């Protein structure tokens, strides 16, 4: 059985079908940038800086 999806669920933990729905929902040109800008760390700070988003490089 799969776990329910919550705000604490990591994208990497989503089932394939949900990943496809998320990919279809996001505009491949700019949607990922809005999503990345909305992601915060546990302290509430932005997880990705504007430099990360502009460069399109993933941060480990």
PDB file of N, CA and C in Angstrom:
ATOM      1  N   UNK A   1       0.832  -1.188   0.000  1.00  0.00           N
ATOM      2  CA  UNK A   1       0.000   0.000   0.000  1.00  0.00           C
ATOM      3  C   UNK A   1       0.877   1.252   0.000  1.00  0.00           C
ATOM      4  N   UNK A   2       0.395   2.269  -0.620  1.00  0.00           N
ATOM      5  CA  UNK A   2       1.171   3.507  -0.673  1.00  0.00           C
ATOM      6  C   UNK A   2       0.764   4.437   0.467  1.00  0.00           C
ATOM      7  N   UNK A   3       1.686   5.273   0.852  1.00  0.00           N
ATOM      8  CA  UNK A   3       1.445   6.256   1.903  1.00  0.00           C
ATOM      9  C   UNK A   3       0.665   7.431   1.315  1.00  0.00           C
ATOM     10  N   UNK A   4      -0.136   8.131   2.130  1.00  0.00           N
ATOM     11  CA  UNK A   4      -0.830   9.316   1.621  1.00  0.00           C
ATOM     12  C   UNK A   4       0.170  10.428   1.315  1.00  0.00           C
ATOM     13  N   UNK A   5      -0.164  11.236   0.327  1.00  0.00           N
ATOM     14  CA  UNK A   5       0.692  12.359  -0.048  1.00  0.00           C
ATOM     15  C   UNK A   5       0.344  13.544   0.845  1.00  0.00           C
ATOM     16  N   UNK A   6       1.357  14.092   1.522  1.00  0.00           N
ATOM     17  CA  UNK A   6       1.177  15.245   2.398  1.00  0.00           C
ATOM     18  C   UNK A   6       2.164  16.332   1.998  1.00  0.00           C
ATOM     19  N   UNK A   7       2.120  17.445   2.698  1.00  0.00           N
ATOM     20  CA  UNK A   7       3.065  18.534   2.439  1.00  0.00           C
ATOM     21  C   UNK A   7       4.500  18.105   2.732  1.00  0.00           C
ATOM     22  N   UNK A   8       4.675  17.074   3.540  1.00  0.00           N
ATOM     23  CA  UNK A   8       6.015  16.596   3.890  1.00  0.00           C
ATOM     24  C   UNK A   8       6.542  15.544   2.913  1.00  0.00           C
ATOM     25  N   UNK A   9       5.730  15.134   1.943  1.00  0.00           N
ATOM     26  CA  UNK A   9       6.134  14.109   0.984  1.00  0.00           C
ATOM     27  C   UNK A   9       7.142  14.674  -0.007  1.00  0.00           C
ATOM     28  N   UNK A  10       8.246  13.985  -0.187  1.00  0.00           N
ATOM     29  CA  UNK A  10       9.246  14.385  -1.176  1.00  0.00           C
ATOM     30  C   UNK A  10       8.773  13.980  -2.569  1.00  0.00           C
ATOM     31  N   UNK A  11       9.073  14.807  -3.552  1.00  0.00           N
ATOM     32  CA  UNK A  11       8.690  14.497  -4.930  1.00  0.00           C
ATOM     33  C   UNK A  11       9.283  13.160  -5.346  1.00  0.00           C
ATOM     34  N   UNK A  12      10.507  12.886  -4.917  1.00  0.00           N
ATOM     35  CA  UNK A  12      11.158  11.627  -5.301  1.00  0.00           C
ATOM     36  C   UNK A  12      10.431  10.405  -4.741  1.00  0.00           C
ATOM     37  N   UNK A  13       9.519  10.609  -3.771  1.00  0.00           N
ATOM     38  CA  UNK A  13       8.786   9.503  -3.171  1.00  0.00           C
ATOM     39  C   UNK A  13       7.432   9.257  -3.828  1.00  0.00           C
ATOM     40  N   UNK A  14       7.062  10.085  -4.791  1.00  0.00           N
ATOM     41  CA  UNK A  14       5.761   9.941  -5.439  1.00  0.00           C
ATOM     42  C   UNK A  14       5.748   8.744  -6.379  1.00  0.00           C
ATOM     43  N   UNK A  15       4.563   8.153  -6.518  1.00  0.00           N
ATOM     44  CA  UNK A  15       4.390   7.068  -7.481  1.00  0.00           C
ATOM     45  C   UNK A  15       4.530   7.623  -8.892  1.00  0.00           C
ATOM     46  N   UNK A  16       4.820   6.741  -9.827  1.00  0.00           N
ATOM     47  CA  UNK A  16       5.030   7.151 -11.214  1.00  0.00           C
ATOM     48  C   UNK A  16       3.822   7.914 -11.767  1.00  0.00           C
ATOM     49  N   UNK A  17       2.621   7.429 -11.501  1.00  0.00           N
ATOM     50  CA  UNK A  17       1.420   8.088 -12.014  1.00  0.00           C
ATOM     51  C   UNK A  17       1.279   9.513 -11.499  1.00  0.00           C
ATOM     52  N   UNK A  18       1.588   9.729 -10.235  1.00  0.00           N
ATOM     53  CA  UNK A  18       1.519  11.079  -9.679  1.00  0.00           C
ATOM     54  C   UNK A  18       2.619  11.969 -10.245  1.00  0.00           C
ATOM     55  N   UNK A  19       3.784  11.390 -10.485  1.00  0.00           N
ATOM     56  CA  UNK A  19       4.859  12.162 -11.116  1.00  0.00           C
ATOM     57  C   UNK A  19       4.444  12.625 -12.509  1.00  0.00           C
ATOM     58  N   UNK A  20       3.782  11.753 -13.256  1.00  0.00           N
ATOM     59  CA  UNK A  20       3.309  12.121 -14.596  1.00  0.00           C
ATOM     60  C   UNK A  20       2.270  13.233 -14.507  1.00  0.00           C
ATOM     61  N   UNK A  21       1.348  13.145 -13.544  1.00  0.00           N
ATOM     62  CA  UNK A  21       0.343  14.196 -13.371  1.00  0.00           C
ATOM     63  C   UNK A  21       1.008  15.516 -13.028  1.00  0.00           C
ATOM     64  N   UNK A  22       1.995  15.487 -12.153  1.00  0.00           N
ATOM     65  CA  UNK A  22       2.715  16.701 -11.787  1.00  0.00           C
ATOM     66  C   UNK A  22       3.439  17.274 -12.999  1.00  0.00           C
ATOM     67  N   UNK A  23       4.086  16.424 -13.769  1.00  0.00           N
ATOM     68  CA  UNK A  23       4.795  16.877 -14.969  1.00  0.00           C
ATOM     69  C   UNK A  23       3.830  17.492 -15.979  1.00  0.00           C
ATOM     70  N   UNK A  24       2.653  16.899 -16.133  1.00  0.00           N
ATOM     71  CA  UNK A  24       1.655  17.443 -17.057  1.00  0.00           C
ATOM     72  C   UNK A  24       1.107  18.770 -16.559  1.00  0.00           C
ATOM     73  N   UNK A  25       1.018  18.923 -15.244  1.00  0.00           N
ATOM     74  CA  UNK A  25       0.481  20.145 -14.649  1.00  0.00           C
ATOM     75  C   UNK A  25       1.427  21.325 -14.838  1.00  0.00           C
ATOM     76  N   UNK A  26       2.716  21.066 -14.694  1.00  0.00           N
ATOM     77  CA  UNK A  26       3.707  22.138 -14.791  1.00  0.00           C
ATOM     78  C   UNK A  26       3.977  22.494 -16.245  1.00  0.00           C
ATOM     79  N   UNK A  27       4.022  23.769 -16.527  1.00  0.00           N
ATOM     80  CA  UNK A  27       4.405  24.246 -17.851  1.00  0.00           C
ATOM     81  C   UNK A  27       5.884  23.938 -18.026  1.00  0.00           C
ATOM     82  N   UNK A  28       6.262  23.182 -19.049  1.00  0.00           N
ATOM     83  CA  UNK A  28       7.667  22.813 -19.179  1.00  0.00           C
ATOM     84  C   UNK A  28       8.605  24.006 -19.370  1.00  0.00           C
ATOM     85  N   UNK A  29       8.087  25.144 -19.756  1.00  0.00           N
ATOM     86  CA  UNK A  29       8.935  26.309 -19.981  1.00  0.00           C
ATOM     87  C   UNK A  29       9.224  27.072 -18.689  1.00  0.00           C
ATOM     88  N   UNK A  30       8.213  27.343 -17.888  1.00  0.00           N
ATOM     89  CA  UNK A  30       8.382  28.210 -16.718  1.00  0.00           C
ATOM     90  C   UNK A  30       7.795  27.655 -15.428  1.00  0.00           C
ATOM     91  N   UNK A  31       6.931  26.667 -15.500  1.00  0.00           N
ATOM     92  CA  UNK A  31       6.259  26.159 -14.312  1.00  0.00           C
ATOM     93  C   UNK A  31       7.198  25.621 -13.255  1.00  0.00           C
ATOM     94  N   UNK A  32       8.270  24.979 -13.683  1.00  0.00           N
ATOM     95  CA  UNK A  32       9.210  24.423 -12.713  1.00  0.00           C
ATOM     96  C   UNK A  32       9.871  25.527 -11.901  1.00  0.00           C
ATOM     97  N   UNK A  33      10.020  26.714 -12.494  1.00  0.00           N
ATOM     98  CA  UNK A  33      10.635  27.826 -11.773  1.00  0.00           C
ATOM     99  C   UNK A  33       9.727  28.304 -10.642  1.00  0.00           C
ATOM    100  N   UNK A  34       8.421  28.371 -10.902  1.00  0.00           N
ATOM    101  CA  UNK A  34       7.475  28.774  -9.854  1.00  0.00           C
ATOM    102  C   UNK A  34       7.448  27.738  -8.736  1.00  0.00           C
ATOM    103  N   UNK A  35       7.494  26.466  -9.116  1.00  0.00           N
ATOM    104  CA  UNK A  35       7.507  25.403  -8.117  1.00  0.00           C
ATOM    105  C   UNK A  35       8.773  25.476  -7.268  1.00  0.00           C
ATOM    106  N   UNK A  36       9.927  25.622  -7.897  1.00  0.00           N
ATOM    107  CA  UNK A  36      11.192  25.699  -7.159  1.00  0.00           C
ATOM    108  C   UNK A  36      11.212  26.902  -6.221  1.00  0.00           C
ATOM    109  N   UNK A  37      10.641  28.014  -6.644  1.00  0.00           N
ATOM    110  CA  UNK A  37      10.610  29.217  -5.809  1.00  0.00           C
ATOM    111  C   UNK A  37       9.718  29.026  -4.588  1.00  0.00           C
ATOM    112  N   UNK A  38       8.729  28.141  -4.678  1.00  0.00           N
ATOM    113  CA  UNK A  38       7.796  27.924  -3.573  1.00  0.00           C
ATOM    114  C   UNK A  38       8.312  26.916  -2.546  1.00  0.00           C
ATOM    115  N   UNK A  39       9.358  26.184  -2.852  1.00  0.00           N
ATOM    116  CA  UNK A  39       9.888  25.159  -1.944  1.00  0.00           C
ATOM    117  C   UNK A  39      10.724  25.826  -0.858  1.00  0.00           C
ATOM    118  N   UNK A  40      10.418  25.479   0.395  1.00  0.00           N
ATOM    119  CA  UNK A  40      11.155  26.032   1.528  1.00  0.00           C
ATOM    120  C   UNK A  40      11.821  24.909   2.317  1.00  0.00           C
ATOM    121  N   UNK A  41      12.821  25.284   3.105  1.00  0.00           N
ATOM    122  CA  UNK A  41      13.462  24.320   3.991  1.00  0.00           C
ATOM    123  C   UNK A  41      12.699  24.321   5.322  1.00  0.00           C
ATOM    124  N   UNK A  42      13.066  23.454   6.264  1.00  0.00           N
ATOM    125  CA  UNK A  42      12.337  23.394   7.535  1.00  0.00           C
ATOM    126  C   UNK A  42      12.299  24.720   8.303  1.00  0.00           C
ATOM    127  N   UNK A  43      13.276  25.590   8.092  1.00  0.00           N
ATOM    128  CA  UNK A  43      13.306  26.885   8.781  1.00  0.00           C
ATOM    129  C   UNK A  43      12.417  27.922   8.101  1.00  0.00           C
ATOM    130  N   UNK A  44      11.845  27.572   6.951  1.00  0.00           N
ATOM    131  CA  UNK A  44      10.977  28.498   6.241  1.00  0.00           C
ATOM    132  C   UNK A  44      11.685  29.349   5.206  1.00  0.00           C
ATOM    133  N   UNK A  45      12.999  29.151   5.063  1.00  0.00           N
ATOM    134  CA  UNK A  45      13.778  29.887   4.061  1.00  0.00           C
ATOM    135  C   UNK A  45      13.603  29.218   2.699  1.00  0.00           C
ATOM    136  N   UNK A  46      13.788  29.981   1.643  1.00  0.00           N
ATOM    137  CA  UNK A  46      13.718  29.413   0.299  1.00  0.00           C
ATOM    138  C   UNK A  46      14.802  28.356   0.129  1.00  0.00           C
ATOM    139  N   UNK A  47      14.419  27.203  -0.382  1.00  0.00           N
ATOM    140  CA  UNK A  47      15.388  26.110  -0.579  1.00  0.00           C
ATOM    141  C   UNK A  47      16.332  26.432  -1.727  1.00  0.00           C
ATOM    142  N   UNK A  48      15.821  27.097  -2.757  1.00  0.00           N
ATOM    143  CA  UNK A  48      16.614  27.423  -3.938  1.00  0.00           C
ATOM    144  C   UNK A  48      16.702  28.933  -4.091  1.00  0.00           C
ATOM    145  N   UNK A  49      17.902  29.429  -4.344  1.00  0.00           N
ATOM    146  CA  UNK A  49      18.093  30.864  -4.558  1.00  0.00           C
ATOM    147  C   UNK A  49      17.685  31.221  -5.985  1.00  0.00           C
ATOM    148  N   UNK A  50      17.556  32.513  -6.241  1.00  0.00           N
ATOM    149  CA  UNK A  50      17.243  32.954  -7.598  1.00  0.00           C
ATOM    150  C   UNK A  50      18.360  32.549  -8.561  1.00  0.00           C
ATOM    151  N   UNK A  51      19.591  32.513  -8.073  1.00  0.00           N
ATOM    152  CA  UNK A  51      20.708  32.080  -8.922  1.00  0.00           C
ATOM    153  C   UNK A  51      20.545  30.617  -9.328  1.00  0.00           C
ATOM    154  N   UNK A  52      20.107  29.767  -8.387  1.00  0.00           N
ATOM    155  CA  UNK A  52      19.858  28.365  -8.715  1.00  0.00           C
ATOM    156  C   UNK A  52      18.770  28.257  -9.773  1.00  0.00           C
ATOM    157  N   UNK A  53      17.706  29.001  -9.574  1.00  0.00           N
ATOM    158  CA  UNK A  53      16.569  28.922 -10.488  1.00  0.00           C
ATOM    159  C   UNK A  53      16.949  29.452 -11.867  1.00  0.00           C
ATOM    160  N   UNK A  54      17.669  30.572 -11.907  1.00  0.00           N
ATOM    161  CA  UNK A  54      18.086  31.129 -13.206  1.00  0.00           C
ATOM    162  C   UNK A  54      18.993  30.170 -13.960  1.00  0.00           C
ATOM    163  N   UNK A  55      19.870  29.487 -13.236  1.00  0.00           N
ATOM    164  CA  UNK A  55      20.813  28.590 -13.907  1.00  0.00           C
ATOM    165  C   UNK A  55      20.173  27.258 -14.273  1.00  0.00           C
ATOM    166  N   UNK A  56      19.089  26.902 -13.588  1.00  0.00           N
ATOM    167  CA  UNK A  56      18.434  25.635 -13.865  1.00  0.00           C
ATOM    168  C   UNK A  56      19.199  24.433 -13.362  1.00  0.00           C
ATOM    169  N   UNK A  57      20.172  24.669 -12.502  1.00  0.00           N
ATOM    170  CA  UNK A  57      21.000  23.590 -11.976  1.00  0.00           C
ATOM    171  C   UNK A  57      20.395  23.087 -10.675  1.00  0.00           C
ATOM    172  N   UNK A  58      20.269  21.769 -10.565  1.00  0.00           N
ATOM    173  CA  UNK A  58      19.737  21.174  -9.345  1.00  0.00           C
ATOM    174  C   UNK A  58      20.761  21.281  -8.224  1.00  0.00           C
ATOM    175  N   UNK A  59      20.257  21.480  -7.019  1.00  0.00           N
ATOM    176  CA  UNK A  59      21.112  21.538  -5.835  1.00  0.00           C
ATOM    177  C   UNK A  59      20.940  20.229  -5.086  1.00  0.00           C
ATOM    178  N   UNK A  60      22.039  19.544  -4.755  1.00  0.00           N
ATOM    179  CA  UNK A  60      21.918  18.259  -4.041  1.00  0.00           C
ATOM    180  C   UNK A  60      21.348  18.431  -2.656  1.00  0.00           C
TER     181      UNK A  60
END
